[in-house]
Amino acid sequence: MLENVKQETIAPIIQGTIIVGNTVVYTDEYNIYNRLPEWGYEHKTVCHAKGEYARDEDGDGFCEVHVNTIEGLWSLLRSWLRPHRGISQEKLPHYLGFFEFVHNVRRRGKALLTSLLNLLLN
């Protein structure tokens, strides 16, 4: 969660997380991302306003440029949060952190508990 969505807020996060060089950053056309090339990143966009959600750039029938992966993650997060009605802004980072953990370990049920205990105890 960010206090605001300004370039000076996201720049240190992007630069501290994404490796410059062989990394391509795919986004929608929100103007906050306009400076990615200036920061050293290859940047490709889709324009939702024009009905573009994926683009095949090399004609092989596979849409290389899209943001469907992150949009799918947001959809999963919304579904996961739905039963937890009324989450305070103060506690939301804890819910998000747990969701991130569950998503990244890709375990459910008792296997999730084992992964959580291994993380906590090691």
C-alpha atoms as a PDB file:
ATOM      1  CA  MET A   1       0.000   0.000   0.000  1.00  0.00           C
ATOM      2  CA  LEU A   2       1.275   3.415  -0.905  1.00  0.00           C
ATOM      3  CA  GLU A   3       0.363   6.783   0.541  1.00  0.00           C
ATOM      4  CA  ASN A   4       0.054   8.140  -2.983  1.00  0.00           C
ATOM      5  CA  VAL A   5       0.587   7.041  -6.553  1.00  0.00           C
ATOM      6  CA  LYS A   6       3.191   9.535  -7.694  1.00  0.00           C
ATOM      7  CA  GLN A   7       6.333   8.737  -9.645  1.00  0.00           C
ATOM      8  CA  GLU A   8       8.563   9.860  -6.778  1.00  0.00           C
ATOM      9  CA  THR A   9       6.793   7.331  -4.554  1.00  0.00           C
ATOM     10  CA  ILE A  10       7.014   4.359  -6.909  1.00  0.00           C
ATOM     11  CA  ALA A  11      10.483   5.102  -8.334  1.00  0.00           C
ATOM     12  CA  PRO A  12      12.462   3.811  -5.318  1.00  0.00           C
ATOM     13  CA  ILE A  13      10.206   0.748  -5.053  1.00  0.00           C
ATOM     14  CA  ILE A  14      10.597  -0.132  -8.725  1.00  0.00           C
ATOM     15  CA  GLN A  15      14.325   0.596  -8.745  1.00  0.00           C
ATOM     16  CA  GLY A  16      14.845  -1.439  -5.570  1.00  0.00           C
ATOM     17  CA  THR A  17      12.813  -4.401  -6.815  1.00  0.00           C
ATOM     18  CA  ILE A  18      13.182  -4.727 -10.587  1.00  0.00           C
ATOM     19  CA  ILE A  19      16.592  -5.366 -12.145  1.00  0.00           C
ATOM     20  CA  VAL A  20      17.559  -2.961 -14.917  1.00  0.00           C
ATOM     21  CA  GLY A  21      18.755  -4.621 -18.081  1.00  0.00           C
ATOM     22  CA  ASN A  22      16.977  -7.653 -19.440  1.00  0.00           C
ATOM     23  CA  THR A  23      13.724  -6.807 -17.682  1.00  0.00           C
ATOM     24  CA  VAL A  24      10.612  -5.803 -19.598  1.00  0.00           C
ATOM     25  CA  VAL A  25       7.899  -4.091 -17.553  1.00  0.00           C
ATOM     26  CA  TYR A  26       4.343  -4.539 -18.832  1.00  0.00           C
ATOM     27  CA  THR A  27       1.690  -2.063 -17.681  1.00  0.00           C
ATOM     28  CA  ASP A  28      -1.455  -0.347 -18.752  1.00  0.00           C
ATOM     29  CA  GLU A  29      -1.097   3.224 -19.979  1.00  0.00           C
ATOM     30  CA  TYR A  30      -1.453   4.892 -16.591  1.00  0.00           C
ATOM     31  CA  ASN A  31       0.930   7.869 -16.808  1.00  0.00           C
ATOM     32  CA  ILE A  32       2.729   7.040 -13.579  1.00  0.00           C
ATOM     33  CA  TYR A  33       4.738   4.482 -15.582  1.00  0.00           C
ATOM     34  CA  ASN A  34       5.885   6.914 -18.308  1.00  0.00           C
ATOM     35  CA  ARG A  35       9.366   7.302 -16.841  1.00  0.00           C
ATOM     36  CA  LEU A  36      10.221   3.584 -16.820  1.00  0.00           C
ATOM     37  CA  PRO A  37      12.351   3.866 -19.992  1.00  0.00           C
ATOM     38  CA  GLU A  38      14.147   6.881 -18.497  1.00  0.00           C
ATOM     39  CA  TRP A  39      14.921   4.745 -15.418  1.00  0.00           C
ATOM     40  CA  GLY A  40      16.469   2.080 -17.664  1.00  0.00           C
ATOM     41  CA  TYR A  41      13.586  -0.358 -18.151  1.00  0.00           C
ATOM     42  CA  GLU A  42      12.117  -1.639 -21.377  1.00  0.00           C
ATOM     43  CA  HIS A  43       8.427  -0.762 -21.093  1.00  0.00           C
ATOM     44  CA  LYS A  44       5.467  -2.116 -23.042  1.00  0.00           C
ATOM     45  CA  THR A  45       1.864  -1.127 -22.543  1.00  0.00           C
ATOM     46  CA  VAL A  46      -1.656  -2.147 -23.426  1.00  0.00           C
ATOM     47  CA  CYS A  47      -4.338   0.500 -23.804  1.00  0.00           C
ATOM     48  CA  HIS A  48      -7.493  -0.563 -21.996  1.00  0.00           C
ATOM     49  CA  ALA A  49      -9.220   2.682 -23.034  1.00  0.00           C
ATOM     50  CA  LYS A  50      -9.014   1.504 -26.658  1.00  0.00           C
ATOM     51  CA  GLY A  51     -10.215  -2.002 -25.795  1.00  0.00           C
ATOM     52  CA  GLU A  52      -6.727  -3.479 -25.987  1.00  0.00           C
ATOM     53  CA  TYR A  53      -6.063  -6.108 -23.337  1.00  0.00           C
ATOM     54  CA  ALA A  54      -3.350  -8.166 -25.032  1.00  0.00           C
ATOM     55  CA  ARG A  55      -1.167  -7.738 -28.109  1.00  0.00           C
ATOM     56  CA  ASP A  56       0.711 -10.157 -30.337  1.00  0.00           C
ATOM     57  CA  GLU A  57       3.785  -8.178 -31.406  1.00  0.00           C
ATOM     58  CA  ASP A  58       5.618 -10.781 -33.457  1.00  0.00           C
ATOM     59  CA  GLY A  59       2.711 -12.472 -35.252  1.00  0.00           C
ATOM     60  CA  ASP A  60       3.179 -15.918 -33.704  1.00  0.00           C
ATOM     61  CA  GLY A  61      -0.373 -16.033 -32.338  1.00  0.00           C
ATOM     62  CA  PHE A  62       0.795 -15.595 -28.736  1.00  0.00           C
ATOM     63  CA  CYS A  63      -0.026 -12.275 -27.039  1.00  0.00           C
ATOM     64  CA  GLU A  64       3.261 -11.270 -25.436  1.00  0.00           C
ATOM     65  CA  VAL A  65       2.109  -7.873 -24.173  1.00  0.00           C
ATOM     66  CA  HIS A  66      -0.565  -8.002 -21.476  1.00  0.00           C
ATOM     67  CA  VAL A  67      -1.185  -7.316 -17.803  1.00  0.00           C
ATOM     68  CA  ASN A  68      -3.515 -10.283 -17.330  1.00  0.00           C
ATOM     69  CA  THR A  69      -1.246 -11.994 -14.788  1.00  0.00           C
ATOM     70  CA  ILE A  70      -1.353  -9.144 -12.267  1.00  0.00           C
ATOM     71  CA  GLU A  71      -5.032  -8.479 -12.952  1.00  0.00           C
ATOM     72  CA  GLY A  72      -5.707 -12.154 -12.221  1.00  0.00           C
ATOM     73  CA  LEU A  73      -3.815 -11.799  -8.944  1.00  0.00           C
ATOM     74  CA  TRP A  74      -5.926  -8.763  -7.973  1.00  0.00           C
ATOM     75  CA  SER A  75      -9.064 -10.776  -8.765  1.00  0.00           C
ATOM     76  CA  LEU A  76      -7.874 -13.614  -6.500  1.00  0.00           C
ATOM     77  CA  LEU A  77      -7.076 -11.105  -3.761  1.00  0.00           C
ATOM     78  CA  ARG A  78     -10.530  -9.489  -3.967  1.00  0.00           C
ATOM     79  CA  SER A  79     -12.179 -12.916  -3.748  1.00  0.00           C
ATOM     80  CA  TRP A  80      -9.958 -13.884  -0.818  1.00  0.00           C
ATOM     81  CA  LEU A  81     -10.696 -10.626   1.056  1.00  0.00           C
ATOM     82  CA  ARG A  82     -14.466 -10.689   0.437  1.00  0.00           C
ATOM     83  CA  PRO A  83     -15.299 -12.817   3.540  1.00  0.00           C
ATOM     84  CA  HIS A  84     -13.116 -10.523   5.700  1.00  0.00           C
ATOM     85  CA  ARG A  85     -15.500  -7.587   5.571  1.00  0.00           C
ATOM     86  CA  GLY A  86     -14.535  -4.315   7.154  1.00  0.00           C
ATOM     87  CA  ILE A  87     -10.755  -4.683   7.238  1.00  0.00           C
ATOM     88  CA  SER A  88      -9.167  -1.549   8.655  1.00  0.00           C
ATOM     89  CA  GLN A  89      -6.485   0.294   6.699  1.00  0.00           C
ATOM     90  CA  GLU A  90      -4.196  -0.374   9.667  1.00  0.00           C
ATOM     91  CA  LYS A  91      -4.577  -4.169   9.444  1.00  0.00           C
ATOM     92  CA  LEU A  92      -4.796  -4.463   5.641  1.00  0.00           C
ATOM     93  CA  PRO A  93      -0.987  -4.817   5.195  1.00  0.00           C
ATOM     94  CA  HIS A  94      -1.104  -7.928   7.436  1.00  0.00           C
ATOM     95  CA  TYR A  95      -3.866  -9.485   5.338  1.00  0.00           C
ATOM     96  CA  LEU A  96      -1.957  -8.627   2.160  1.00  0.00           C
ATOM     97  CA  GLY A  97       1.251 -10.116   3.558  1.00  0.00           C
ATOM     98  CA  PHE A  98      -0.506 -13.354   4.444  1.00  0.00           C
ATOM     99  CA  PHE A  99      -2.184 -13.500   1.036  1.00  0.00           C
ATOM    100  CA  GLU A 100       1.217 -12.977  -0.613  1.00  0.00           C
ATOM    101  CA  PHE A 101       2.701 -15.807   1.457  1.00  0.00           C
ATOM    102  CA  VAL A 102      -0.165 -18.200   0.631  1.00  0.00           C
ATOM    103  CA  HIS A 103       0.023 -17.322  -3.051  1.00  0.00           C
ATOM    104  CA  ASN A 104       3.806 -17.730  -3.243  1.00  0.00           C
ATOM    105  CA  VAL A 105       4.058 -21.062  -1.402  1.00  0.00           C
ATOM    106  CA  ARG A 106       1.162 -22.451  -3.469  1.00  0.00           C
ATOM    107  CA  ARG A 107       0.023 -24.746  -0.686  1.00  0.00           C
ATOM    108  CA  ARG A 108      -3.410 -25.253   0.846  1.00  0.00           C
ATOM    109  CA  GLY A 109      -4.739 -26.990   3.958  1.00  0.00           C
ATOM    110  CA  LYS A 110      -2.240 -28.805   6.185  1.00  0.00           C
ATOM    111  CA  ALA A 111       0.566 -28.270   3.666  1.00  0.00           C
ATOM    112  CA  LEU A 112       0.149 -24.506   4.162  1.00  0.00           C
ATOM    113  CA  LEU A 113       0.590 -24.919   7.925  1.00  0.00           C
ATOM    114  CA  THR A 114       3.821 -26.871   7.380  1.00  0.00           C
ATOM    115  CA  SER A 115       5.158 -24.124   5.088  1.00  0.00           C
ATOM    116  CA  LEU A 116       4.217 -21.441   7.604  1.00  0.00           C
ATOM    117  CA  LEU A 117       5.870 -23.295  10.499  1.00  0.00           C
ATOM    118  CA  ASN A 118       9.029 -23.864   8.431  1.00  0.00           C
ATOM    119  CA  LEU A 119       9.182 -20.140   7.671  1.00  0.00           C
ATOM    120  CA  LEU A 120       8.665 -19.156  11.302  1.00  0.00           C
ATOM    121  CA  LEU A 121      11.046 -21.693  12.819  1.00  0.00           C
ATOM    122  CA  ASN A 122      13.931 -21.545  10.344  1.00  0.00           C
END
